[in-house]
Amino acid sequence: MLRLYHLLIGVILVALIPVGIKFVPPLFSANNPQQKNPAVQPLNKPSPNEGEGNIWQEILVNKSAPNNWQVVPCKGNAPLLCVSTQGKLLGTVEIGVYPLANNPDFQKKLEAVGIPAGSKVDSQNPQYQTQILTALKAWVTDYYSAISKDRQATYKNDIIFSSHPPQTVTIGKLPGLRYGFVGVKRQGGVQEQHIGHVTFDGTSLYVITSGYDPASATGKFDKLEDWAIFQPYLYAIAADLNLPQK
């Protein structure tokens, strides 16, 4: 998924679904989907062992997962969370951390809502929360625009791209947004589906992503069914993250 999120550093949901598609998992459903025996295909490949130097070691609190699944920081320094069963990798969740000092675009979005650089963080203040969420919505809008153009250039008219309005969520103790998009084949079937969470702690933008996308190397599941099963657990994990970091 790195190819997706490097389109906009510092900057994903279902409509227009053609008739005949048999399975498109709901992007923002909070209900636990029916569990089934997950199919597994190894990746490139982060190990589903406890990692060292991985930011997930510092922020992961809730290891919520379906029965017989494990959620742990991937081994190594890559910012990946490994989801596995019986030692076999099912997918990963990726987090990008973008310092505000290196992110002039988001600085401008903050200034536009009345939060100049260096402002005191007051995440419990309703006015501050509204300002941050407005800036984050502008970030998501820019991301959708960029990813839509990228998919149009890549797939032409073979894939129907659809994004979903972002939802306000709490990520750790910070205000944030859940967003996403889906690409559906005109002849039926899902080409890709992505869900992201984004928040800001006063110094850095945090972008947490995963999905189903055969073209991605990380931050994705290999099987659409496994991704559908894991979605509500991802929401619980994001809600309980150690953010801001203590």
Foldseek 3Di string as FASTA:
>chain_A
DVVQAVLAQPFAADDPADPPADDDFDQDDLDFDDDDPDDADAFVHFWQDAADLACCVQWWDDQDDPPQWGWHQTHDNANWIFIGGPRTTFAIKHKDKAFPVRHVPLQVLLVVLPHHQPRDDDQVDPSNQVSQASSNQVRHVVSHVSVVVVCCVVPPPQWDKGWHRWDWAAFANHIKTKIWIWIAGPVYDTQWIKIWIWTDQSTIIMIMIEIDHPVDRHRYGPDNVNRSNCNSVVRVRRNNICPPGD
